[in-house]
Amino acid sequence: MIDSFETQLKTYSQKFKDDLIILGIAEPGKIKPYATISSVVAMPVVHSQIPYDSGYERDLALHLISEERAFRKPLRYDAKEYMQVHPDFVLLDTTEPVVVEVYGMNTKEYLARKKEKQEIYSKGEYPFDLWEWNAVDCRDLGQWLATTPLPVGA
């Protein structure tokens, strides 16, 4: 377990220069006077403590922060209103909330989930607009924003 954490930590530190939130579970020592770590996980976060799952999400989070946008990052365990889709971000400084999706992979499973999410959004079951960044087609956020700007105005 610790070996996989060390690998994960090394990967994060090489790939991103952001902070990490680290959570561990320790069990008190029965014979020895120190605890034994039984589980450790790490989650990368930008300087505002907003977690991200990819470099593309990181770029967009930093952009939203620099533009002083009001938004939230739904987390898996507190996103009941978005349960079927679990968006990457939700803009809150627009007339209606805007769900933000960052699509950054091209695997068969990922594309199937992307299609499923887009079908859910197209049914209009959620009372918000949708903004998408297809980072597979355009990896540069600035270029994508030039052609597909984020909605503004509340």
C-alpha atoms as a PDB file:
ATOM      1  CA  MET A   1       0.000   0.000   0.000  1.00  0.00           C
ATOM      2  CA  ILE A   2       2.707   2.474   0.955  1.00  0.00           C
ATOM      3  CA  ASP A   3       4.700   1.537  -2.158  1.00  0.00           C
ATOM      4  CA  SER A   4       1.752   2.471  -4.381  1.00  0.00           C
ATOM      5  CA  PHE A   5       1.347   5.738  -2.461  1.00  0.00           C
ATOM      6  CA  GLU A   6       5.020   6.554  -2.965  1.00  0.00           C
ATOM      7  CA  THR A   7       4.602   5.903  -6.696  1.00  0.00           C
ATOM      8  CA  GLN A   8       1.477   8.076  -6.788  1.00  0.00           C
ATOM      9  CA  LEU A   9       3.206  10.857  -4.863  1.00  0.00           C
ATOM     10  CA  LYS A  10       6.230  10.763  -7.172  1.00  0.00           C
ATOM     11  CA  THR A  11       3.951  10.923 -10.231  1.00  0.00           C
ATOM     12  CA  TYR A  12       2.056  13.927  -8.846  1.00  0.00           C
ATOM     13  CA  SER A  13       5.206  15.787  -7.867  1.00  0.00           C
ATOM     14  CA  GLN A  14       6.788  15.244 -11.287  1.00  0.00           C
ATOM     15  CA  LYS A  15       3.652  16.145 -13.231  1.00  0.00           C
ATOM     16  CA  PHE A  16       2.228  19.032 -11.194  1.00  0.00           C
ATOM     17  CA  LYS A  17       3.759  21.591  -8.883  1.00  0.00           C
ATOM     18  CA  ASP A  18       0.591  22.078  -6.877  1.00  0.00           C
ATOM     19  CA  ASP A  19      -0.379  21.159  -3.362  1.00  0.00           C
ATOM     20  CA  LEU A  20      -1.601  17.748  -2.311  1.00  0.00           C
ATOM     21  CA  ILE A  21      -4.194  16.889   0.265  1.00  0.00           C
ATOM     22  CA  ILE A  22      -3.048  13.686   1.911  1.00  0.00           C
ATOM     23  CA  LEU A  23      -5.311  11.535   4.030  1.00  0.00           C
ATOM     24  CA  GLY A  24      -4.096   8.543   5.936  1.00  0.00           C
ATOM     25  CA  ILE A  25      -5.415   5.954   8.311  1.00  0.00           C
ATOM     26  CA  ALA A  26      -3.137   4.908  11.128  1.00  0.00           C
ATOM     27  CA  GLU A  27      -3.602   2.108  13.593  1.00  0.00           C
ATOM     28  CA  PRO A  28      -2.144   2.464  17.073  1.00  0.00           C
ATOM     29  CA  GLY A  29       0.769   0.222  17.854  1.00  0.00           C
ATOM     30  CA  LYS A  30      -0.048  -2.835  19.918  1.00  0.00           C
ATOM     31  CA  ILE A  31       3.476  -3.750  20.903  1.00  0.00           C
ATOM     32  CA  LYS A  32       5.546  -0.876  19.575  1.00  0.00           C
ATOM     33  CA  PRO A  33       4.974   2.706  20.793  1.00  0.00           C
ATOM     34  CA  TYR A  34       4.148   4.077  17.342  1.00  0.00           C
ATOM     35  CA  ALA A  35       1.290   3.840  14.852  1.00  0.00           C
ATOM     36  CA  THR A  36       1.229   1.809  11.671  1.00  0.00           C
ATOM     37  CA  ILE A  37      -0.118   3.485   8.547  1.00  0.00           C
ATOM     38  CA  SER A  38      -2.632   1.185   6.904  1.00  0.00           C
ATOM     39  CA  SER A  39      -3.887   3.393   4.087  1.00  0.00           C
ATOM     40  CA  VAL A  40      -2.861   6.651   2.429  1.00  0.00           C
ATOM     41  CA  VAL A  41      -4.370   8.597  -0.455  1.00  0.00           C
ATOM     42  CA  ALA A  42      -3.372  11.849  -2.109  1.00  0.00           C
ATOM     43  CA  MET A  43      -5.460  14.337  -4.029  1.00  0.00           C
ATOM     44  CA  PRO A  44      -3.851  17.139  -6.044  1.00  0.00           C
ATOM     45  CA  VAL A  45      -5.321  20.603  -5.502  1.00  0.00           C
ATOM     46  CA  VAL A  46      -4.614  24.042  -6.927  1.00  0.00           C
ATOM     47  CA  HIS A  47      -3.497  26.804  -4.560  1.00  0.00           C
ATOM     48  CA  SER A  48      -7.146  27.521  -3.620  1.00  0.00           C
ATOM     49  CA  GLN A  49      -7.534  23.915  -2.439  1.00  0.00           C
ATOM     50  CA  ILE A  50      -9.770  22.971  -5.377  1.00  0.00           C
ATOM     51  CA  PRO A  51      -9.145  19.358  -6.411  1.00  0.00           C
ATOM     52  CA  TYR A  52      -8.695  18.270  -9.987  1.00  0.00           C
ATOM     53  CA  ASP A  53      -8.603  14.966 -11.820  1.00  0.00           C
ATOM     54  CA  SER A  54      -6.520  15.991 -14.827  1.00  0.00           C
ATOM     55  CA  GLY A  55      -4.138  18.650 -16.040  1.00  0.00           C
ATOM     56  CA  TYR A  56      -6.966  20.037 -18.178  1.00  0.00           C
ATOM     57  CA  GLU A  57      -9.206  20.445 -15.132  1.00  0.00           C
ATOM     58  CA  ARG A  58      -6.279  22.083 -13.361  1.00  0.00           C
ATOM     59  CA  ASP A  59      -5.832  24.569 -16.212  1.00  0.00           C
ATOM     60  CA  LEU A  60      -9.522  25.438 -16.209  1.00  0.00           C
ATOM     61  CA  ALA A  61      -9.667  25.797 -12.407  1.00  0.00           C
ATOM     62  CA  LEU A  62      -6.697  28.179 -12.487  1.00  0.00           C
ATOM     63  CA  HIS A  63      -8.338  30.137 -15.318  1.00  0.00           C
ATOM     64  CA  LEU A  64     -11.619  30.452 -13.395  1.00  0.00           C
ATOM     65  CA  ILE A  65      -9.735  31.611 -10.304  1.00  0.00           C
ATOM     66  CA  SER A  66      -7.677  34.166 -12.264  1.00  0.00           C
ATOM     67  CA  GLU A  67     -10.868  35.520 -13.858  1.00  0.00           C
ATOM     68  CA  GLU A  68     -12.447  35.727 -10.379  1.00  0.00           C
ATOM     69  CA  ARG A  69     -15.357  33.559 -11.462  1.00  0.00           C
ATOM     70  CA  ALA A  70     -17.805  32.168  -8.916  1.00  0.00           C
ATOM     71  CA  PHE A  71     -17.870  28.399  -9.280  1.00  0.00           C
ATOM     72  CA  ARG A  72     -17.853  25.172  -7.392  1.00  0.00           C
ATOM     73  CA  LYS A  73     -16.244  21.826  -7.897  1.00  0.00           C
ATOM     74  CA  PRO A  74     -18.791  19.109  -7.119  1.00  0.00           C
ATOM     75  CA  LEU A  75     -17.199  16.264  -5.221  1.00  0.00           C
ATOM     76  CA  ARG A  76     -18.386  12.689  -5.522  1.00  0.00           C
ATOM     77  CA  TYR A  77     -19.876  12.542  -2.047  1.00  0.00           C
ATOM     78  CA  ASP A  78     -21.699  15.869  -1.951  1.00  0.00           C
ATOM     79  CA  ALA A  79     -23.029  16.202  -5.481  1.00  0.00           C
ATOM     80  CA  LYS A  80     -26.511  14.716  -5.052  1.00  0.00           C
ATOM     81  CA  GLU A  81     -28.073  17.166  -7.482  1.00  0.00           C
ATOM     82  CA  TYR A  82     -25.637  16.062 -10.206  1.00  0.00           C
ATOM     83  CA  MET A  83     -25.580  12.367  -9.341  1.00  0.00           C
ATOM     84  CA  GLN A  84     -26.049  11.035 -12.895  1.00  0.00           C
ATOM     85  CA  VAL A  85     -23.448  13.272 -14.491  1.00  0.00           C
ATOM     86  CA  HIS A  86     -20.998  14.547 -11.856  1.00  0.00           C
ATOM     87  CA  PRO A  87     -19.721  17.610 -13.775  1.00  0.00           C
ATOM     88  CA  ASP A  88     -16.201  18.952 -13.441  1.00  0.00           C
ATOM     89  CA  PHE A  89     -17.324  22.445 -12.374  1.00  0.00           C
ATOM     90  CA  VAL A  90     -20.482  24.521 -12.029  1.00  0.00           C
ATOM     91  CA  LEU A  91     -20.380  28.252 -12.795  1.00  0.00           C
ATOM     92  CA  LEU A  92     -22.470  30.212 -10.297  1.00  0.00           C
ATOM     93  CA  ASP A  93     -22.032  33.775 -11.577  1.00  0.00           C
ATOM     94  CA  THR A  94     -24.322  33.331 -14.570  1.00  0.00           C
ATOM     95  CA  THR A  95     -28.097  33.843 -14.840  1.00  0.00           C
ATOM     96  CA  GLU A  96     -28.616  30.099 -14.559  1.00  0.00           C
ATOM     97  CA  PRO A  97     -25.905  27.780 -13.246  1.00  0.00           C
ATOM     98  CA  VAL A  98     -23.666  26.461 -16.024  1.00  0.00           C
ATOM     99  CA  VAL A  99     -22.364  22.913 -15.839  1.00  0.00           C
ATOM    100  CA  VAL A 100     -18.780  22.671 -17.099  1.00  0.00           C
ATOM    101  CA  GLU A 101     -17.413  19.454 -18.554  1.00  0.00           C
ATOM    102  CA  VAL A 102     -13.783  18.904 -19.508  1.00  0.00           C
ATOM    103  CA  TYR A 103     -13.361  15.903 -21.799  1.00  0.00           C
ATOM    104  CA  GLY A 104      -9.716  14.929 -21.937  1.00  0.00           C
ATOM    105  CA  MET A 105      -9.445  11.269 -22.866  1.00  0.00           C
ATOM    106  CA  ASN A 106     -10.133   9.173 -25.916  1.00  0.00           C
ATOM    107  CA  THR A 107     -10.573   5.631 -24.558  1.00  0.00           C
ATOM    108  CA  LYS A 108     -13.563   3.522 -25.525  1.00  0.00           C
ATOM    109  CA  GLU A 109     -14.956   3.573 -21.961  1.00  0.00           C
ATOM    110  CA  TYR A 110     -14.405   7.303 -21.560  1.00  0.00           C
ATOM    111  CA  LEU A 111     -16.086   8.115 -24.878  1.00  0.00           C
ATOM    112  CA  ALA A 112     -19.060   5.915 -23.936  1.00  0.00           C
ATOM    113  CA  ARG A 113     -19.443   7.794 -20.634  1.00  0.00           C
ATOM    114  CA  LYS A 114     -19.068  11.126 -22.441  1.00  0.00           C
ATOM    115  CA  LYS A 115     -21.870  10.163 -24.833  1.00  0.00           C
ATOM    116  CA  GLU A 116     -24.049   9.028 -21.928  1.00  0.00           C
ATOM    117  CA  LYS A 117     -23.513  12.330 -20.100  1.00  0.00           C
ATOM    118  CA  GLN A 118     -24.245  14.374 -23.224  1.00  0.00           C
ATOM    119  CA  GLU A 119     -27.493  12.447 -23.742  1.00  0.00           C
ATOM    120  CA  ILE A 120     -28.527  13.161 -20.155  1.00  0.00           C
ATOM    121  CA  TYR A 121     -27.760  16.856 -20.600  1.00  0.00           C
ATOM    122  CA  SER A 122     -29.635  17.018 -23.928  1.00  0.00           C
ATOM    123  CA  LYS A 123     -32.831  15.699 -22.285  1.00  0.00           C
ATOM    124  CA  GLY A 124     -33.033  18.916 -20.267  1.00  0.00           C
ATOM    125  CA  GLU A 125     -33.469  17.122 -16.943  1.00  0.00           C
ATOM    126  CA  TYR A 126     -31.090  19.528 -15.256  1.00  0.00           C
ATOM    127  CA  PRO A 127     -32.001  23.229 -14.892  1.00  0.00           C
ATOM    128  CA  PHE A 128     -28.671  24.547 -16.142  1.00  0.00           C
ATOM    129  CA  ASP A 129     -26.775  25.306 -19.281  1.00  0.00           C
ATOM    130  CA  LEU A 130     -23.780  23.279 -20.427  1.00  0.00           C
ATOM    131  CA  TRP A 131     -20.281  24.346 -21.481  1.00  0.00           C
ATOM    132  CA  GLU A 132     -17.838  21.730 -22.749  1.00  0.00           C
ATOM    133  CA  TRP A 133     -14.117  21.689 -23.483  1.00  0.00           C
ATOM    134  CA  ASN A 134     -13.082  18.815 -25.701  1.00  0.00           C
ATOM    135  CA  ALA A 135      -9.413  18.809 -24.777  1.00  0.00           C
ATOM    136  CA  VAL A 136      -8.751  15.811 -27.023  1.00  0.00           C
ATOM    137  CA  ASP A 137      -9.435  18.023 -30.055  1.00  0.00           C
ATOM    138  CA  CYS A 138      -7.875  21.193 -28.639  1.00  0.00           C
ATOM    139  CA  ARG A 139      -5.417  20.785 -25.774  1.00  0.00           C
ATOM    140  CA  ASP A 140      -4.819  24.521 -25.349  1.00  0.00           C
ATOM    141  CA  LEU A 141      -7.453  26.139 -23.125  1.00  0.00           C
ATOM    142  CA  GLY A 142      -6.741  29.617 -24.510  1.00  0.00           C
ATOM    143  CA  GLN A 143      -7.408  28.464 -28.061  1.00  0.00           C
ATOM    144  CA  TRP A 144     -10.613  26.696 -26.995  1.00  0.00           C
ATOM    145  CA  LEU A 145     -11.833  29.791 -25.120  1.00  0.00           C
ATOM    146  CA  ALA A 146     -11.194  31.932 -28.211  1.00  0.00           C
ATOM    147  CA  THR A 147     -13.765  29.904 -30.138  1.00  0.00           C
ATOM    148  CA  THR A 148     -15.991  28.710 -27.276  1.00  0.00           C
ATOM    149  CA  PRO A 149     -15.997  31.383 -24.547  1.00  0.00           C
ATOM    150  CA  LEU A 150     -17.328  30.645 -21.096  1.00  0.00           C
ATOM    151  CA  PRO A 151     -20.769  32.153 -20.412  1.00  0.00           C
ATOM    152  CA  VAL A 152     -20.722  35.349 -18.354  1.00  0.00           C
ATOM    153  CA  GLY A 153     -23.167  37.573 -16.553  1.00  0.00           C
ATOM    154  CA  ALA A 154     -25.573  37.115 -13.715  1.00  0.00           C
END
